[in-house]
Amino acid sequence: MNIKVEIRETDSNHAKVVVAGEIDAYTAPKLKEALDGFTERESIHVQIDLADVTYMDSTGLGVFVGVFKSLRAKQSELELVGLSDRIYRLFEITGLTDIIEIKNVEGEMNGNNV
């Protein structure tokens, strides 16, 4: 499976990234490359929509941790939205839900606790 990454900058301080497909060892480098452009910018808010991501492994988690750290070092923010329950669980198990802002999780939108 491939990955599709669409970047929309709403203004100089806000960007929305829509990711679709699978994030694994094969596709993670493409995602990292697409996000690298934000990691050197000061005070930007990057929202990544994962609603159309069907699979993610630890390689994908590593990409998000790296991007989070780089953005934070530049006083920038990372926000993840639209995660399926399954993908949210990966972040939860690893403790990343405590450090990365995650909103609009599928189960939460349906009224379930995640």
C-alpha atoms as a PDB file:
ATOM      1  CA  MET A   1       0.000   0.000   0.000  1.00  0.00           C
ATOM      2  CA  ASN A   2       1.104   3.524  -0.637  1.00  0.00           C
ATOM      3  CA  ILE A   3       0.682   6.673   1.331  1.00  0.00           C
ATOM      4  CA  LYS A   4      -0.760   9.982   0.225  1.00  0.00           C
ATOM      5  CA  VAL A   5       0.236  13.200   1.994  1.00  0.00           C
ATOM      6  CA  GLU A   6      -1.551  16.441   1.205  1.00  0.00           C
ATOM      7  CA  ILE A   7      -0.346  19.690   2.771  1.00  0.00           C
ATOM      8  CA  ARG A   8      -2.518  22.775   3.057  1.00  0.00           C
ATOM      9  CA  GLU A   9      -1.056  25.890   4.622  1.00  0.00           C
ATOM     10  CA  THR A  10      -3.872  28.115   5.816  1.00  0.00           C
ATOM     11  CA  ASP A  11      -1.474  30.944   6.660  1.00  0.00           C
ATOM     12  CA  SER A  12       2.176  31.355   7.625  1.00  0.00           C
ATOM     13  CA  ASN A  13       1.569  29.971  11.135  1.00  0.00           C
ATOM     14  CA  HIS A  14      -0.892  27.129  10.460  1.00  0.00           C
ATOM     15  CA  ALA A  15      -0.735  24.037   8.305  1.00  0.00           C
ATOM     16  CA  LYS A  16      -3.022  21.045   7.893  1.00  0.00           C
ATOM     17  CA  VAL A  17      -1.594  17.777   6.652  1.00  0.00           C
ATOM     18  CA  VAL A  18      -3.964  15.048   5.483  1.00  0.00           C
ATOM     19  CA  VAL A  19      -2.488  11.556   5.410  1.00  0.00           C
ATOM     20  CA  ALA A  20      -4.153   8.566   3.732  1.00  0.00           C
ATOM     21  CA  GLY A  21      -3.052   4.956   3.412  1.00  0.00           C
ATOM     22  CA  GLU A  22      -0.627   2.937   5.511  1.00  0.00           C
ATOM     23  CA  ILE A  23       2.284   4.224   7.564  1.00  0.00           C
ATOM     24  CA  ASP A  24       4.941   1.526   7.855  1.00  0.00           C
ATOM     25  CA  ALA A  25       8.648   0.978   7.248  1.00  0.00           C
ATOM     26  CA  TYR A  26       8.109   1.371   3.511  1.00  0.00           C
ATOM     27  CA  THR A  27       5.998   4.563   3.540  1.00  0.00           C
ATOM     28  CA  ALA A  28       7.293   6.333   6.688  1.00  0.00           C
ATOM     29  CA  PRO A  29      10.251   7.959   4.883  1.00  0.00           C
ATOM     30  CA  LYS A  30       7.832   9.660   2.466  1.00  0.00           C
ATOM     31  CA  LEU A  31       5.762  10.986   5.384  1.00  0.00           C
ATOM     32  CA  LYS A  32       8.889  12.177   7.203  1.00  0.00           C
ATOM     33  CA  GLU A  33      10.111  13.947   4.076  1.00  0.00           C
ATOM     34  CA  ALA A  34       6.756  15.706   3.671  1.00  0.00           C
ATOM     35  CA  LEU A  35       6.794  16.873   7.304  1.00  0.00           C
ATOM     36  CA  ASP A  36      10.463  17.889   7.436  1.00  0.00           C
ATOM     37  CA  GLY A  37       9.650  21.258   5.888  1.00  0.00           C
ATOM     38  CA  PHE A  38       7.842  22.252   9.080  1.00  0.00           C
ATOM     39  CA  THR A  39      10.499  21.167  11.553  1.00  0.00           C
ATOM     40  CA  GLU A  40      12.754  24.153  10.926  1.00  0.00           C
ATOM     41  CA  ARG A  41      10.025  26.788  11.172  1.00  0.00           C
ATOM     42  CA  GLU A  42       9.344  28.852  14.264  1.00  0.00           C
ATOM     43  CA  SER A  43       5.918  29.107  15.894  1.00  0.00           C
ATOM     44  CA  ILE A  44       3.875  27.029  13.468  1.00  0.00           C
ATOM     45  CA  HIS A  45       0.863  24.905  14.394  1.00  0.00           C
ATOM     46  CA  VAL A  46       0.807  21.687  12.369  1.00  0.00           C
ATOM     47  CA  GLN A  47      -2.397  19.660  12.427  1.00  0.00           C
ATOM     48  CA  ILE A  48      -2.146  16.166  10.956  1.00  0.00           C
ATOM     49  CA  ASP A  49      -5.384  14.446   9.984  1.00  0.00           C
ATOM     50  CA  LEU A  50      -5.051  10.657  10.190  1.00  0.00           C
ATOM     51  CA  ALA A  51      -8.708   9.795   9.508  1.00  0.00           C
ATOM     52  CA  ASP A  52      -7.808   7.970   6.290  1.00  0.00           C
ATOM     53  CA  VAL A  53      -4.838   6.065   7.706  1.00  0.00           C
ATOM     54  CA  THR A  54      -5.721   2.384   7.705  1.00  0.00           C
ATOM     55  CA  TYR A  55      -2.565   1.005   9.331  1.00  0.00           C
ATOM     56  CA  MET A  56       0.417   2.280  11.278  1.00  0.00           C
ATOM     57  CA  ASP A  57       3.345   0.484  12.881  1.00  0.00           C
ATOM     58  CA  SER A  58       6.148   1.596  15.190  1.00  0.00           C
ATOM     59  CA  THR A  59       7.994   3.203  12.293  1.00  0.00           C
ATOM     60  CA  GLY A  60       5.115   5.645  11.933  1.00  0.00           C
ATOM     61  CA  LEU A  61       5.160   6.369  15.659  1.00  0.00           C
ATOM     62  CA  GLY A  62       8.853   7.163  15.318  1.00  0.00           C
ATOM     63  CA  VAL A  63       8.129   9.700  12.597  1.00  0.00           C
ATOM     64  CA  PHE A  64       5.606  11.496  14.802  1.00  0.00           C
ATOM     65  CA  VAL A  65       7.943  11.491  17.823  1.00  0.00           C
ATOM     66  CA  GLY A  66      10.739  12.970  15.715  1.00  0.00           C
ATOM     67  CA  VAL A  67       8.504  15.635  14.216  1.00  0.00           C
ATOM     68  CA  PHE A  68       7.055  16.460  17.648  1.00  0.00           C
ATOM     69  CA  LYS A  69      10.523  16.953  19.143  1.00  0.00           C
ATOM     70  CA  SER A  70      11.720  19.087  16.237  1.00  0.00           C
ATOM     71  CA  LEU A  71       8.613  21.274  16.302  1.00  0.00           C
ATOM     72  CA  ARG A  72       8.757  21.691  20.056  1.00  0.00           C
ATOM     73  CA  ALA A  73      12.394  22.828  19.836  1.00  0.00           C
ATOM     74  CA  LYS A  74      11.205  25.632  17.531  1.00  0.00           C
ATOM     75  CA  GLN A  75       8.303  26.639  19.804  1.00  0.00           C
ATOM     76  CA  SER A  76       5.886  25.051  17.346  1.00  0.00           C
ATOM     77  CA  GLU A  77       2.966  22.707  17.956  1.00  0.00           C
ATOM     78  CA  LEU A  78       1.838  19.338  16.634  1.00  0.00           C
ATOM     79  CA  GLU A  79      -1.787  18.218  16.783  1.00  0.00           C
ATOM     80  CA  LEU A  80      -3.097  14.874  15.547  1.00  0.00           C
ATOM     81  CA  VAL A  81      -6.778  14.491  14.625  1.00  0.00           C
ATOM     82  CA  GLY A  82      -9.114  11.860  13.234  1.00  0.00           C
ATOM     83  CA  LEU A  83      -7.342   8.813  14.614  1.00  0.00           C
ATOM     84  CA  SER A  84      -9.164   5.498  14.478  1.00  0.00           C
ATOM     85  CA  ASP A  85      -9.500   3.691  17.788  1.00  0.00           C
ATOM     86  CA  ARG A  86      -6.826   1.229  16.675  1.00  0.00           C
ATOM     87  CA  ILE A  87      -4.269   3.906  15.831  1.00  0.00           C
ATOM     88  CA  TYR A  88      -5.099   5.909  18.952  1.00  0.00           C
ATOM     89  CA  ARG A  89      -4.401   2.767  20.967  1.00  0.00           C
ATOM     90  CA  LEU A  90      -0.840   2.645  19.562  1.00  0.00           C
ATOM     91  CA  PHE A  91      -0.217   6.161  20.852  1.00  0.00           C
ATOM     92  CA  GLU A  92      -1.864   5.320  24.171  1.00  0.00           C
ATOM     93  CA  ILE A  93       0.127   2.114  24.769  1.00  0.00           C
ATOM     94  CA  THR A  94       3.404   3.941  24.175  1.00  0.00           C
ATOM     95  CA  GLY A  95       2.473   6.872  26.406  1.00  0.00           C
ATOM     96  CA  LEU A  96       2.506   9.346  23.532  1.00  0.00           C
ATOM     97  CA  THR A  97      -1.043  10.500  24.314  1.00  0.00           C
ATOM     98  CA  ASP A  98       0.468  12.240  27.342  1.00  0.00           C
ATOM     99  CA  ILE A  99       2.831  14.389  25.267  1.00  0.00           C
ATOM    100  CA  ILE A 100       1.306  14.807  21.802  1.00  0.00           C
ATOM    101  CA  GLU A 101      -1.992  16.666  21.459  1.00  0.00           C
ATOM    102  CA  ILE A 102      -4.572  14.263  20.012  1.00  0.00           C
ATOM    103  CA  LYS A 103      -8.149  15.311  19.213  1.00  0.00           C
ATOM    104  CA  ASN A 104     -11.196  13.876  17.454  1.00  0.00           C
ATOM    105  CA  VAL A 105     -10.476  10.210  18.050  1.00  0.00           C
ATOM    106  CA  GLU A 106     -13.021   7.982  16.281  1.00  0.00           C
ATOM    107  CA  GLY A 107     -14.375   6.436  19.521  1.00  0.00           C
ATOM    108  CA  GLU A 108     -14.716   9.839  21.163  1.00  0.00           C
ATOM    109  CA  MET A 109     -16.711  11.124  18.210  1.00  0.00           C
ATOM    110  CA  ASN A 110     -19.065   8.168  18.577  1.00  0.00           C
ATOM    111  CA  GLY A 111     -19.539   8.810  22.275  1.00  0.00           C
ATOM    112  CA  ASN A 112     -17.290   5.963  23.442  1.00  0.00           C
ATOM    113  CA  ASN A 113     -14.433   6.308  25.873  1.00  0.00           C
ATOM    114  CA  VAL A 114     -11.081   5.488  24.431  1.00  0.00           C
END
